[in-house]
Amino acid sequence: MDDPNSILSPGMLVRHPAEPDWGTGQVQSNIGGKVTVNFPNKGKVVIESSRVMLVPVFDR
């Protein structure tokens, strides 16, 4: 699998592995290797899938 973030879809919850203080974010979109996530303590962030592998959160 070339892009491990390709499984992420809008509404899914994720964490940024290098930025735990951002909290658990919600995926807004995943288009062309760019994942837009709204984090509670950072706001909306566009993540390059080739640079960061987001961690899905399945339980809170």
PDB file of N, CA and C in Angstrom:
ATOM      1  N   MET A   1       0.851  -1.179   0.000  1.00  0.00           N
ATOM      2  CA  MET A   1       0.000   0.000   0.000  1.00  0.00           C
ATOM      3  C   MET A   1       0.894   1.238   0.000  1.00  0.00           C
ATOM      4  N   ASP A   2       0.748   2.092  -0.976  1.00  0.00           N
ATOM      5  CA  ASP A   2       1.579   3.275  -1.096  1.00  0.00           C
ATOM      6  C   ASP A   2       1.196   4.371  -0.107  1.00  0.00           C
ATOM      7  N   ASP A   3      -0.094   4.532   0.157  1.00  0.00           N
ATOM      8  CA  ASP A   3      -0.563   5.595   1.034  1.00  0.00           C
ATOM      9  C   ASP A   3      -1.381   4.986   2.174  1.00  0.00           C
ATOM     10  N   PRO A   4      -0.762   4.840   3.352  1.00  0.00           N
ATOM     11  CA  PRO A   4      -1.504   4.246   4.471  1.00  0.00           C
ATOM     12  C   PRO A   4      -2.682   5.103   4.930  1.00  0.00           C
ATOM     13  N   ASN A   5      -2.669   6.394   4.598  1.00  0.00           N
ATOM     14  CA  ASN A   5      -3.791   7.266   4.961  1.00  0.00           C
ATOM     15  C   ASN A   5      -4.971   7.119   4.001  1.00  0.00           C
ATOM     16  N   SER A   6      -4.818   6.324   2.944  1.00  0.00           N
ATOM     17  CA  SER A   6      -5.898   6.191   1.959  1.00  0.00           C
ATOM     18  C   SER A   6      -7.162   5.568   2.553  1.00  0.00           C
ATOM     19  N   ILE A   7      -7.044   4.871   3.675  1.00  0.00           N
ATOM     20  CA  ILE A   7      -8.221   4.265   4.315  1.00  0.00           C
ATOM     21  C   ILE A   7      -9.058   5.291   5.070  1.00  0.00           C
ATOM     22  N   LEU A   8      -8.510   6.475   5.285  1.00  0.00           N
ATOM     23  CA  LEU A   8      -9.217   7.499   6.061  1.00  0.00           C
ATOM     24  C   LEU A   8     -10.304   8.161   5.228  1.00  0.00           C
ATOM     25  N   SER A   9     -11.460   8.307   5.839  1.00  0.00           N
ATOM     26  CA  SER A   9     -12.577   8.946   5.145  1.00  0.00           C
ATOM     27  C   SER A   9     -13.190  10.003   6.067  1.00  0.00           C
ATOM     28  N   PRO A  10     -13.932  10.949   5.499  1.00  0.00           N
ATOM     29  CA  PRO A  10     -14.538  12.002   6.311  1.00  0.00           C
ATOM     30  C   PRO A  10     -15.349  11.427   7.473  1.00  0.00           C
ATOM     31  N   GLY A  11     -15.151  12.047   8.625  1.00  0.00           N
ATOM     32  CA  GLY A  11     -15.846  11.616   9.835  1.00  0.00           C
ATOM     33  C   GLY A  11     -15.008  10.745  10.744  1.00  0.00           C
ATOM     34  N   MET A  12     -13.972  10.114  10.192  1.00  0.00           N
ATOM     35  CA  MET A  12     -13.110   9.264  11.019  1.00  0.00           C
ATOM     36  C   MET A  12     -12.301  10.117  11.987  1.00  0.00           C
ATOM     37  N   LEU A  13     -11.969   9.526  13.124  1.00  0.00           N
ATOM     38  CA  LEU A  13     -11.166  10.207  14.135  1.00  0.00           C
ATOM     39  C   LEU A  13      -9.719   9.748  14.027  1.00  0.00           C
ATOM     40  N   VAL A  14      -8.789  10.697  14.166  1.00  0.00           N
ATOM     41  CA  VAL A  14      -7.364  10.392  14.031  1.00  0.00           C
ATOM     42  C   VAL A  14      -6.544  11.207  15.026  1.00  0.00           C
ATOM     43  N   ARG A  15      -5.308  10.758  15.212  1.00  0.00           N
ATOM     44  CA  ARG A  15      -4.322  11.512  15.984  1.00  0.00           C
ATOM     45  C   ARG A  15      -3.090  11.711  15.120  1.00  0.00           C
ATOM     46  N   HIS A  16      -2.404  12.811  15.337  1.00  0.00           N
ATOM     47  CA  HIS A  16      -1.131  13.078  14.656  1.00  0.00           C
ATOM     48  C   HIS A  16      -0.045  12.522  15.572  1.00  0.00           C
ATOM     49  N   PRO A  17       0.774  11.576  15.097  1.00  0.00           N
ATOM     50  CA  PRO A  17       1.745  10.915  15.974  1.00  0.00           C
ATOM     51  C   PRO A  17       2.794  11.849  16.578  1.00  0.00           C
ATOM     52  N   ALA A  18       3.125  12.933  15.909  1.00  0.00           N
ATOM     53  CA  ALA A  18       4.148  13.851  16.410  1.00  0.00           C
ATOM     54  C   ALA A  18       3.561  15.035  17.175  1.00  0.00           C
ATOM     55  N   GLU A  19       2.234  15.138  17.207  1.00  0.00           N
ATOM     56  CA  GLU A  19       1.578  16.289  17.843  1.00  0.00           C
ATOM     57  C   GLU A  19       0.441  15.843  18.766  1.00  0.00           C
ATOM     58  N   PRO A  20       0.759  15.127  19.842  1.00  0.00           N
ATOM     59  CA  PRO A  20      -0.317  14.626  20.722  1.00  0.00           C
ATOM     60  C   PRO A  20      -1.142  15.728  21.377  1.00  0.00           C
ATOM     61  N   ASP A  21      -0.550  16.925  21.538  1.00  0.00           N
ATOM     62  CA  ASP A  21      -1.281  18.031  22.161  1.00  0.00           C
ATOM     63  C   ASP A  21      -2.424  18.557  21.296  1.00  0.00           C
ATOM     64  N   TRP A  22      -2.428  18.215  20.013  1.00  0.00           N
ATOM     65  CA  TRP A  22      -3.503  18.655  19.132  1.00  0.00           C
ATOM     66  C   TRP A  22      -4.813  17.950  19.464  1.00  0.00           C
ATOM     67  N   GLY A  23      -4.761  16.805  20.125  1.00  0.00           N
ATOM     68  CA  GLY A  23      -5.952  16.046  20.471  1.00  0.00           C
ATOM     69  C   GLY A  23      -6.407  15.149  19.335  1.00  0.00           C
ATOM     70  N   THR A  24      -7.588  14.596  19.497  1.00  0.00           N
ATOM     71  CA  THR A  24      -8.170  13.706  18.491  1.00  0.00           C
ATOM     72  C   THR A  24      -8.930  14.543  17.468  1.00  0.00           C
ATOM     73  N   GLY A  25      -8.504  14.432  16.212  1.00  0.00           N
ATOM     74  CA  GLY A  25      -9.115  15.225  15.155  1.00  0.00           C
ATOM     75  C   GLY A  25     -10.089  14.428  14.309  1.00  0.00           C
ATOM     76  N   GLN A  26     -10.923  15.135  13.598  1.00  0.00           N
ATOM     77  CA  GLN A  26     -11.890  14.512  12.699  1.00  0.00           C
ATOM     78  C   GLN A  26     -11.499  14.816  11.263  1.00  0.00           C
ATOM     79  N   VAL A  27     -11.407  13.749  10.455  1.00  0.00           N
ATOM     80  CA  VAL A  27     -11.067  13.897   9.045  1.00  0.00           C
ATOM     81  C   VAL A  27     -12.188  14.639   8.336  1.00  0.00           C
ATOM     82  N   GLN A  28     -11.825  15.690   7.594  1.00  0.00           N
ATOM     83  CA  GLN A  28     -12.784  16.460   6.815  1.00  0.00           C
ATOM     84  C   GLN A  28     -12.799  16.004   5.363  1.00  0.00           C
ATOM     85  N   SER A  29     -11.604  15.707   4.822  1.00  0.00           N
ATOM     86  CA  SER A  29     -11.504  15.224   3.443  1.00  0.00           C
ATOM     87  C   SER A  29     -10.178  14.495   3.260  1.00  0.00           C
ATOM     88  N   ASN A  30     -10.119  13.692   2.207  1.00  0.00           N
ATOM     89  CA  ASN A  30      -8.908  12.942   1.861  1.00  0.00           C
ATOM     90  C   ASN A  30      -8.860  12.872   0.341  1.00  0.00           C
ATOM     91  N   ILE A  31      -8.135  13.810  -0.260  1.00  0.00           N
ATOM     92  CA  ILE A  31      -8.126  13.938  -1.720  1.00  0.00           C
ATOM     93  C   ILE A  31      -6.688  14.098  -2.208  1.00  0.00           C
ATOM     94  N   GLY A  32      -6.303  13.244  -3.126  1.00  0.00           N
ATOM     95  CA  GLY A  32      -5.008  13.380  -3.782  1.00  0.00           C
ATOM     96  C   GLY A  32      -3.806  13.397  -2.856  1.00  0.00           C
ATOM     97  N   GLY A  33      -3.841  12.586  -1.813  1.00  0.00           N
ATOM     98  CA  GLY A  33      -2.707  12.525  -0.904  1.00  0.00           C
ATOM     99  C   GLY A  33      -2.664  13.627   0.138  1.00  0.00           C
ATOM    100  N   LYS A  34      -3.730  14.409   0.215  1.00  0.00           N
ATOM    101  CA  LYS A  34      -3.830  15.463   1.230  1.00  0.00           C
ATOM    102  C   LYS A  34      -5.053  15.193   2.098  1.00  0.00           C
ATOM    103  N   VAL A  35      -4.804  15.069   3.397  1.00  0.00           N
ATOM    104  CA  VAL A  35      -5.877  14.800   4.351  1.00  0.00           C
ATOM    105  C   VAL A  35      -6.107  16.061   5.167  1.00  0.00           C
ATOM    106  N   THR A  36      -7.322  16.567   5.139  1.00  0.00           N
ATOM    107  CA  THR A  36      -7.674  17.728   5.948  1.00  0.00           C
ATOM    108  C   THR A  36      -8.335  17.223   7.224  1.00  0.00           C
ATOM    109  N   VAL A  37      -7.774  17.653   8.359  1.00  0.00           N
ATOM    110  CA  VAL A  37      -8.253  17.204   9.665  1.00  0.00           C
ATOM    111  C   VAL A  37      -8.524  18.418  10.534  1.00  0.00           C
ATOM    112  N   ASN A  38      -9.633  18.386  11.268  1.00  0.00           N
ATOM    113  CA  ASN A  38      -9.954  19.438  12.218  1.00  0.00           C
ATOM    114  C   ASN A  38      -9.608  18.932  13.618  1.00  0.00           C
ATOM    115  N   PHE A  39      -8.536  19.489  14.209  1.00  0.00           N
ATOM    116  CA  PHE A  39      -8.104  19.098  15.546  1.00  0.00           C
ATOM    117  C   PHE A  39      -8.655  20.091  16.569  1.00  0.00           C
ATOM    118  N   PRO A  40      -9.104  19.600  17.740  1.00  0.00           N
ATOM    119  CA  PRO A  40      -9.720  20.498  18.722  1.00  0.00           C
ATOM    120  C   PRO A  40      -8.768  21.556  19.276  1.00  0.00           C
ATOM    121  N   ASN A  41      -7.486  21.228  19.393  1.00  0.00           N
ATOM    122  CA  ASN A  41      -6.529  22.163  19.991  1.00  0.00           C
ATOM    123  C   ASN A  41      -5.598  22.827  18.976  1.00  0.00           C
ATOM    124  N   LYS A  42      -5.874  22.650  17.690  1.00  0.00           N
ATOM    125  CA  LYS A  42      -5.034  23.239  16.649  1.00  0.00           C
ATOM    126  C   LYS A  42      -5.862  23.871  15.537  1.00  0.00           C
ATOM    127  N   GLY A  43      -7.044  23.305  15.280  1.00  0.00           N
ATOM    128  CA  GLY A  43      -7.866  23.786  14.176  1.00  0.00           C
ATOM    129  C   GLY A  43      -7.679  22.922  12.946  1.00  0.00           C
ATOM    130  N   LYS A  44      -8.029  23.477  11.795  1.00  0.00           N
ATOM    131  CA  LYS A  44      -7.976  22.732  10.540  1.00  0.00           C
ATOM    132  C   LYS A  44      -6.538  22.674  10.029  1.00  0.00           C
ATOM    133  N   VAL A  45      -6.079  21.446   9.732  1.00  0.00           N
ATOM    134  CA  VAL A  45      -4.718  21.230   9.251  1.00  0.00           C
ATOM    135  C   VAL A  45      -4.767  20.324   8.025  1.00  0.00           C
ATOM    136  N   VAL A  46      -4.000  20.679   6.993  1.00  0.00           N
ATOM    137  CA  VAL A  46      -3.866  19.830   5.809  1.00  0.00           C
ATOM    138  C   VAL A  46      -2.578  19.025   5.962  1.00  0.00           C
ATOM    139  N   ILE A  47      -2.712  17.702   5.936  1.00  0.00           N
ATOM    140  CA  ILE A  47      -1.595  16.781   6.146  1.00  0.00           C
ATOM    141  C   ILE A  47      -1.208  16.146   4.819  1.00  0.00           C
ATOM    142  N   GLU A  48       0.078  16.168   4.493  1.00  0.00           N
ATOM    143  CA  GLU A  48       0.595  15.461   3.314  1.00  0.00           C
ATOM    144  C   GLU A  48       0.758  13.991   3.677  1.00  0.00           C
ATOM    145  N   SER A  49       0.028  13.114   3.014  1.00  0.00           N
ATOM    146  CA  SER A  49       0.083  11.688   3.319  1.00  0.00           C
ATOM    147  C   SER A  49       1.469  11.090   3.141  1.00  0.00           C
ATOM    148  N   SER A  50       2.264  11.662   2.255  1.00  0.00           N
ATOM    149  CA  SER A  50       3.605  11.129   2.026  1.00  0.00           C
ATOM    150  C   SER A  50       4.561  11.460   3.171  1.00  0.00           C
ATOM    151  N   ARG A  51       4.161  12.391   4.046  1.00  0.00           N
ATOM    152  CA  ARG A  51       5.046  12.823   5.134  1.00  0.00           C
ATOM    153  C   ARG A  51       4.621  12.332   6.508  1.00  0.00           C
ATOM    154  N   VAL A  52       3.303  12.153   6.714  1.00  0.00           N
ATOM    155  CA  VAL A  52       2.785  11.799   8.037  1.00  0.00           C
ATOM    156  C   VAL A  52       1.764  10.684   7.920  1.00  0.00           C
ATOM    157  N   MET A  53       1.932   9.634   8.730  1.00  0.00           N
ATOM    158  CA  MET A  53       0.940   8.567   8.795  1.00  0.00           C
ATOM    159  C   MET A  53       0.069   8.826  10.028  1.00  0.00           C
ATOM    160  N   LEU A  54      -1.156   9.273   9.797  1.00  0.00           N
ATOM    161  CA  LEU A  54      -2.074   9.550  10.886  1.00  0.00           C
ATOM    162  C   LEU A  54      -2.507   8.233  11.546  1.00  0.00           C
ATOM    163  N   VAL A  55      -2.830   8.313  12.829  1.00  0.00           N
ATOM    164  CA  VAL A  55      -3.212   7.133  13.606  1.00  0.00           C
ATOM    165  C   VAL A  55      -4.724   7.148  13.814  1.00  0.00           C
ATOM    166  N   PRO A  56      -5.440   6.170  13.232  1.00  0.00           N
ATOM    167  CA  PRO A  56      -6.891   6.119  13.433  1.00  0.00           C
ATOM    168  C   PRO A  56      -7.227   5.862  14.913  1.00  0.00           C
ATOM    169  N   VAL A  57      -8.316   6.472  15.363  1.00  0.00           N
ATOM    170  CA  VAL A  57      -8.806   6.288  16.737  1.00  0.00           C
ATOM    171  C   VAL A  57     -10.164   5.618  16.639  1.00  0.00           C
ATOM    172  N   PHE A  58     -10.267   4.429  17.226  1.00  0.00           N
ATOM    173  CA  PHE A  58     -11.512   3.671  17.131  1.00  0.00           C
ATOM    174  C   PHE A  58     -12.322   3.697  18.416  1.00  0.00           C
ATOM    175  N   ASP A  59     -11.701   4.117  19.512  1.00  0.00           N
ATOM    176  CA  ASP A  59     -12.431   4.252  20.760  1.00  0.00           C
ATOM    177  C   ASP A  59     -11.965   5.513  21.464  1.00  0.00           C
ATOM    178  N   ARG A  60     -12.844   6.058  22.265  1.00  0.00           N
ATOM    179  CA  ARG A  60     -12.494   7.322  22.939  1.00  0.00           C
ATOM    180  C   ARG A  60     -12.412   7.079  24.362  1.00  0.00           C
TER     181      ARG A  60
END
